[in-house]
């Protein structure tokens, strides 16, 4: 059974909220942030939780590999 697109967006929003409630920060969403977020909500998420959008695969891989090196993963 395939869910409508609206239901996918709701599930994704719940997943992100669950991660934030667990203290997870610096989440990369993408390729763009959800359209239903107001500019004020986006500012809070970016400033307080480090949420960013994904630009492109090559840039995202560079960011992720640098984070891994810093964390010794």
N, C-alpha and C. Protein backbone atom coordinates (compact mmCIF):
# COMPACT_ATOMS: atom_id res chain seq x y z
N UNK A 1 0.84 -1.19 0.00
CA UNK A 1 0.00 0.00 0.00
C UNK A 1 0.88 1.24 0.00
N UNK A 2 0.64 2.14 -0.90
CA UNK A 2 1.44 3.35 -1.00
C UNK A 2 0.70 4.51 -0.33
N UNK A 3 1.43 5.24 0.50
CA UNK A 3 0.84 6.38 1.19
C UNK A 3 0.84 7.61 0.29
N UNK A 4 -0.16 8.47 0.45
CA UNK A 4 -0.15 9.74 -0.29
C UNK A 4 1.05 10.59 0.13
N UNK A 5 1.47 11.49 -0.74
CA UNK A 5 2.63 12.36 -0.47
C UNK A 5 2.48 13.13 0.83
N UNK A 6 1.27 13.57 1.13
CA UNK A 6 1.04 14.32 2.37
C UNK A 6 1.37 13.48 3.59
N UNK A 7 1.04 12.19 3.54
CA UNK A 7 1.34 11.32 4.67
C UNK A 7 2.84 11.12 4.84
N UNK A 8 3.58 11.05 3.74
CA UNK A 8 5.04 10.94 3.83
C UNK A 8 5.62 12.16 4.52
N UNK A 9 5.14 13.34 4.18
CA UNK A 9 5.64 14.57 4.80
C UNK A 9 5.34 14.57 6.30
N UNK A 10 4.17 14.09 6.68
CA UNK A 10 3.82 14.03 8.10
C UNK A 10 4.73 13.06 8.84
N UNK A 11 4.96 11.91 8.24
CA UNK A 11 5.83 10.92 8.88
C UNK A 11 7.25 11.45 9.01
N UNK A 12 7.75 12.11 7.98
CA UNK A 12 9.10 12.68 8.04
C UNK A 12 9.19 13.75 9.11
N UNK A 13 8.15 14.58 9.25
CA UNK A 13 8.15 15.61 10.28
C UNK A 13 8.18 14.98 11.67
N UNK A 14 7.41 13.92 11.86
CA UNK A 14 7.40 13.21 13.15
C UNK A 14 8.77 12.61 13.45
N UNK A 15 9.41 12.04 12.42
CA UNK A 15 10.74 11.45 12.62
C UNK A 15 11.75 12.50 13.04
N UNK A 16 11.71 13.67 12.40
CA UNK A 16 12.65 14.74 12.75
C UNK A 16 12.38 15.23 14.16
N UNK A 17 11.12 15.41 14.51
CA UNK A 17 10.77 15.85 15.87
C UNK A 17 11.22 14.82 16.91
N UNK A 18 11.09 13.54 16.58
CA UNK A 18 11.55 12.50 17.50
C UNK A 18 13.06 12.58 17.70
N UNK A 19 13.81 12.76 16.62
CA UNK A 19 15.26 12.89 16.74
C UNK A 19 15.65 14.12 17.56
N UNK A 20 14.96 15.24 17.34
CA UNK A 20 15.25 16.45 18.10
C UNK A 20 14.94 16.24 19.58
N UNK A 21 13.86 15.53 19.89
CA UNK A 21 13.51 15.29 21.29
C UNK A 21 14.55 14.41 21.98
N UNK A 22 15.28 13.61 21.21
CA UNK A 22 16.34 12.77 21.76
C UNK A 22 17.67 13.51 21.87
N UNK A 23 17.69 14.77 21.43
CA UNK A 23 18.90 15.57 21.53
C UNK A 23 19.80 15.50 20.31
N UNK A 24 19.33 14.88 19.24
CA UNK A 24 20.13 14.79 18.01
C UNK A 24 20.18 16.17 17.36
N UNK A 25 21.35 16.60 16.98
CA UNK A 25 21.52 17.90 16.32
C UNK A 25 22.27 17.71 15.01
N UNK A 26 22.36 18.77 14.24
CA UNK A 26 23.08 18.80 12.97
C UNK A 26 22.53 17.79 11.98
N UNK A 27 21.21 17.75 11.86
CA UNK A 27 20.54 16.87 10.92
C UNK A 27 20.57 17.52 9.54
N UNK A 28 20.88 16.73 8.54
CA UNK A 28 20.89 17.23 7.16
C UNK A 28 19.64 16.72 6.45
N UNK A 29 18.79 17.64 6.05
CA UNK A 29 17.55 17.30 5.35
C UNK A 29 17.67 17.73 3.90
N UNK A 30 17.00 17.02 3.03
CA UNK A 30 17.11 17.54 1.69
C UNK A 30 16.45 16.72 0.62
N UNK A 31 16.59 17.29 -0.52
CA UNK A 31 17.52 18.36 -0.92
C UNK A 31 17.09 19.75 -0.46
N UNK A 32 15.85 19.93 -0.07
CA UNK A 32 15.41 21.23 0.46
C UNK A 32 14.66 20.99 1.77
N UNK A 33 14.56 22.03 2.56
CA UNK A 33 13.76 21.92 3.78
C UNK A 33 12.29 21.88 3.40
N UNK A 34 11.46 21.23 4.20
CA UNK A 34 10.03 21.13 3.86
C UNK A 34 9.37 22.49 3.63
N UNK A 35 8.54 22.57 2.62
CA UNK A 35 7.92 23.84 2.24
C UNK A 35 6.93 24.34 3.27
N UNK A 36 6.38 23.46 4.10
CA UNK A 36 5.38 23.90 5.07
C UNK A 36 5.98 24.61 6.28
N UNK A 37 7.31 24.63 6.39
CA UNK A 37 7.95 25.33 7.51
C UNK A 37 7.99 26.83 7.24
N UNK A 38 7.54 27.59 8.21
CA UNK A 38 7.59 29.05 8.06
C UNK A 38 9.04 29.51 8.23
N UNK A 39 9.35 30.70 7.73
CA UNK A 39 10.72 31.22 7.90
C UNK A 39 11.15 31.29 9.37
N UNK A 40 10.23 31.63 10.26
CA UNK A 40 10.58 31.69 11.69
C UNK A 40 10.93 30.32 12.25
N UNK A 41 10.17 29.30 11.86
CA UNK A 41 10.45 27.93 12.32
C UNK A 41 11.79 27.46 11.77
N UNK A 42 12.05 27.76 10.50
CA UNK A 42 13.33 27.38 9.89
C UNK A 42 14.48 28.04 10.66
N UNK A 43 14.34 29.31 11.01
CA UNK A 43 15.39 30.00 11.76
C UNK A 43 15.65 29.32 13.11
N UNK A 44 14.60 28.93 13.81
CA UNK A 44 14.77 28.25 15.10
C UNK A 44 15.48 26.91 14.90
N UNK A 45 15.05 26.14 13.90
CA UNK A 45 15.67 24.84 13.65
C UNK A 45 17.14 24.97 13.26
N UNK A 46 17.44 25.94 12.43
CA UNK A 46 18.84 26.15 12.00
C UNK A 46 19.69 26.65 13.15
N UNK A 47 19.21 27.66 13.87
CA UNK A 47 20.01 28.28 14.92
C UNK A 47 20.14 27.42 16.17
N UNK A 48 19.09 26.72 16.55
CA UNK A 48 19.12 25.96 17.81
C UNK A 48 19.51 24.49 17.63
N UNK A 49 19.25 23.93 16.45
CA UNK A 49 19.48 22.51 16.27
C UNK A 49 20.45 22.18 15.14
N UNK A 50 20.92 23.17 14.42
CA UNK A 50 21.90 22.94 13.36
C UNK A 50 21.36 22.21 12.15
N UNK A 51 20.05 22.30 11.92
CA UNK A 51 19.46 21.62 10.76
C UNK A 51 19.85 22.38 9.49
N UNK A 52 20.28 21.63 8.49
CA UNK A 52 20.66 22.23 7.21
C UNK A 52 20.06 21.43 6.07
N UNK A 53 19.99 22.07 4.92
CA UNK A 53 19.56 21.39 3.71
C UNK A 53 20.75 20.77 3.01
N UNK A 54 20.50 19.75 2.24
CA UNK A 54 21.54 19.10 1.46
C UNK A 54 21.67 19.84 0.13
N UNK A 55 22.89 20.18 -0.25
CA UNK A 55 23.08 20.91 -1.51
C UNK A 55 23.19 19.93 -2.68
N UNK A 56 24.26 19.20 -2.73
CA UNK A 56 24.42 18.17 -3.76
C UNK A 56 25.24 17.03 -3.17
N UNK A 57 25.27 15.92 -3.84
CA UNK A 57 25.89 14.72 -3.30
C UNK A 57 27.38 14.93 -3.02
N UNK A 58 28.11 15.52 -3.95
CA UNK A 58 29.56 15.70 -3.75
C UNK A 58 29.85 16.57 -2.54
N UNK A 59 29.14 17.69 -2.41
CA UNK A 59 29.36 18.58 -1.27
C UNK A 59 28.95 17.90 0.04
N UNK A 60 27.86 17.18 0.01
CA UNK A 60 27.38 16.49 1.21
C UNK A 60 28.38 15.42 1.65
N UNK A 61 28.95 14.69 0.71
CA UNK A 61 29.95 13.68 1.05
C UNK A 61 31.18 14.32 1.69
N UNK A 62 31.61 15.46 1.18
CA UNK A 62 32.75 16.16 1.77
C UNK A 62 32.44 16.55 3.21
N UNK A 63 31.24 17.08 3.45
CA UNK A 63 30.85 17.47 4.80
C UNK A 63 30.82 16.26 5.72
N UNK A 64 30.19 15.19 5.28
CA UNK A 64 30.06 14.00 6.11
C UNK A 64 31.42 13.36 6.40
N UNK A 65 32.29 13.33 5.43
CA UNK A 65 33.61 12.74 5.65
C UNK A 65 34.43 13.58 6.60
N UNK A 66 34.30 14.89 6.55
CA UNK A 66 35.01 15.75 7.50
C UNK A 66 34.48 15.56 8.91
N UNK A 67 33.19 15.41 9.07
CA UNK A 67 32.61 15.17 10.39
C UNK A 67 33.12 13.83 10.94
N UNK A 68 33.18 12.81 10.07
CA UNK A 68 33.66 11.51 10.51
C UNK A 68 35.10 11.57 10.99
N UNK A 69 35.94 12.34 10.29
CA UNK A 69 37.34 12.44 10.68
C UNK A 69 37.49 13.14 12.04
N UNK A 70 36.68 14.17 12.26
CA UNK A 70 36.74 14.90 13.53
C UNK A 70 36.29 14.02 14.67
N UNK A 71 35.29 13.17 14.42
CA UNK A 71 34.73 12.32 15.47
C UNK A 71 35.45 10.99 15.61
N UNK A 72 36.46 10.75 14.79
CA UNK A 72 37.21 9.48 14.80
C UNK A 72 36.28 8.28 14.61
N UNK A 73 35.34 8.40 13.68
CA UNK A 73 34.42 7.30 13.41
C UNK A 73 35.03 6.39 12.37
